[in-house]
Amino acid sequence: MPNWTGVAAVLLALAVALGAFGAHGLRGKIDDYSMGIWERAVLYHFLHALGLLIVSILPRPAGINWPAWLLVAGVGLFCGSLYVLAVTGVRTLGAITPFGGVAFIAAWLVLAIQYRSRI
């Protein structure tokens, strides 16, 4: 079983680094539209990495790690495709982004189902 707290910490550090890179390394090198895409990727990256940190400390049924895996997949697919889209301008990458969004939604729904008896 992965150390989800460690994975979340690495994703959070990466979000900070990519946010700083966007603010300092990309400013003036990409247009405002692409910068908006980059910033949205950083926001969703940060929010879902924080979510993973929270999920990592919640008690869960033995062997049930779907929310964590789905959050990591969402960061990779959603945020990753937006990062690449922002710097390359290759619009076809936008076709990957919704799969990451679905992974995010699925993660939160699976978590809700896991805790339905506690609501």
Protein backbone atom coordinates (compact mmCIF):
# COMPACT_ATOMS: atom_id res chain seq x y z
CA MET A 1 0.00 0.00 0.00
CA PRO A 2 1.46 3.39 -0.93
CA ASN A 3 2.22 5.93 1.74
CA TRP A 4 -0.56 8.33 0.73
CA THR A 5 0.61 11.05 3.13
CA GLY A 6 4.01 10.99 1.45
CA VAL A 7 2.45 11.00 -2.02
CA ALA A 8 0.28 13.96 -1.01
CA ALA A 9 3.30 15.83 0.36
CA VAL A 10 5.21 15.33 -2.90
CA LEU A 11 2.19 16.46 -4.95
CA LEU A 12 1.83 19.55 -2.75
CA ALA A 13 5.51 20.42 -3.15
CA LEU A 14 5.15 19.94 -6.90
CA ALA A 15 2.09 22.22 -6.94
CA VAL A 16 4.07 24.97 -5.20
CA ALA A 17 6.99 24.53 -7.60
CA LEU A 18 4.75 24.56 -10.69
CA GLY A 19 2.86 27.58 -9.39
CA ALA A 20 6.13 29.46 -8.88
CA PHE A 21 7.39 28.35 -12.27
CA GLY A 22 4.22 29.67 -13.87
CA ALA A 23 4.43 32.98 -12.05
CA HIS A 24 8.12 33.58 -12.65
CA GLY A 25 9.25 31.35 -15.50
CA LEU A 26 6.29 31.55 -17.85
CA ARG A 27 5.12 35.12 -17.34
CA GLY A 28 5.61 36.93 -20.63
CA LYS A 29 6.46 33.70 -22.47
CA ILE A 30 2.90 32.44 -22.91
CA ASP A 31 -0.26 34.43 -23.64
CA ASP A 32 -2.87 35.34 -21.03
CA TYR A 33 -5.21 32.53 -22.12
CA SER A 34 -2.47 29.93 -21.64
CA MET A 35 -1.48 31.49 -18.31
CA GLY A 36 -5.09 31.12 -17.19
CA ILE A 37 -4.96 27.43 -18.13
CA TRP A 38 -1.72 27.03 -16.16
CA GLU A 39 -3.20 28.76 -13.12
CA ARG A 40 -6.32 26.58 -13.25
CA ALA A 41 -4.10 23.47 -13.38
CA VAL A 42 -2.17 24.68 -10.33
CA LEU A 43 -5.40 25.41 -8.43
CA TYR A 44 -6.91 21.99 -9.08
CA HIS A 45 -3.53 20.34 -8.42
CA PHE A 46 -3.32 22.06 -5.04
CA LEU A 47 -6.91 21.40 -4.00
CA HIS A 48 -6.81 17.72 -4.86
CA ALA A 49 -3.35 17.17 -3.36
CA LEU A 50 -4.72 18.68 -0.14
CA GLY A 51 -7.70 16.38 -0.52
CA LEU A 52 -5.33 13.43 -0.83
CA LEU A 53 -3.57 14.55 2.34
CA ILE A 54 -6.91 14.52 4.17
CA VAL A 55 -7.91 11.17 2.65
CA SER A 56 -4.56 9.74 3.75
CA ILE A 57 -5.34 10.32 7.43
CA LEU A 58 -8.95 9.12 7.37
CA PRO A 59 -9.67 5.63 8.64
CA ARG A 60 -10.74 3.41 5.75
CA PRO A 61 -11.67 -0.20 5.21
CA ALA A 62 -8.62 -2.44 4.81
CA GLY A 63 -7.27 -2.37 1.29
CA ILE A 64 -9.70 0.28 0.06
CA ASN A 65 -7.57 2.96 -1.57
CA TRP A 66 -9.76 3.93 -4.52
CA PRO A 67 -10.22 7.58 -3.52
CA ALA A 68 -6.46 8.05 -3.21
CA TRP A 69 -5.69 6.34 -6.52
CA LEU A 70 -8.42 8.34 -8.26
CA LEU A 71 -7.11 11.64 -6.87
CA VAL A 72 -3.60 10.85 -8.09
CA ALA A 73 -4.97 9.86 -11.50
CA GLY A 74 -6.98 13.07 -11.61
CA VAL A 75 -3.93 15.22 -10.87
CA GLY A 76 -1.98 13.43 -13.57
CA LEU A 77 -4.69 13.51 -16.23
CA PHE A 78 -6.50 16.77 -15.50
CA CYS A 79 -3.68 18.95 -14.27
CA GLY A 80 -0.98 17.29 -16.34
CA SER A 81 -2.87 17.74 -19.59
CA LEU A 82 -3.57 21.40 -18.74
CA TYR A 83 0.10 22.05 -17.91
CA VAL A 84 1.19 20.61 -21.24
CA LEU A 85 -1.63 22.39 -23.10
CA ALA A 86 -0.61 25.73 -21.58
CA VAL A 87 3.01 25.49 -22.70
CA THR A 88 2.54 23.76 -26.06
CA GLY A 89 -0.78 25.12 -27.25
CA VAL A 90 -1.66 21.65 -28.58
CA ARG A 91 -5.44 21.76 -28.21
CA THR A 92 -5.94 18.02 -28.78
CA LEU A 93 -4.54 17.49 -25.29
CA GLY A 94 -7.78 18.97 -24.04
CA ALA A 95 -9.39 15.63 -24.89
CA ILE A 96 -7.51 14.05 -21.97
CA THR A 97 -8.57 16.63 -19.40
CA PRO A 98 -12.16 15.39 -18.89
CA PHE A 99 -10.88 11.95 -17.89
CA GLY A 100 -9.01 13.62 -15.05
CA GLY A 101 -12.13 15.52 -14.08
CA VAL A 102 -14.10 12.28 -13.98
CA ALA A 103 -11.37 10.76 -11.78
CA PHE A 104 -11.70 13.70 -9.36
CA ILE A 105 -15.48 13.36 -9.22
CA ALA A 106 -15.26 9.58 -8.81
CA ALA A 107 -12.75 9.96 -5.96
CA TRP A 108 -15.09 12.15 -3.96
CA LEU A 109 -18.12 9.98 -4.70
CA VAL A 110 -16.28 6.80 -3.70
CA LEU A 111 -15.20 8.50 -0.49
CA ALA A 112 -18.81 9.52 0.19
CA ILE A 113 -19.95 5.94 -0.40
CA GLN A 114 -17.28 4.62 1.96
CA TYR A 115 -18.53 6.95 4.69
CA ARG A 116 -22.26 6.77 3.93
CA SER A 117 -23.06 4.96 7.15
CA ARG A 118 -21.37 7.74 9.14
CA ILE A 119 -23.42 10.58 7.65
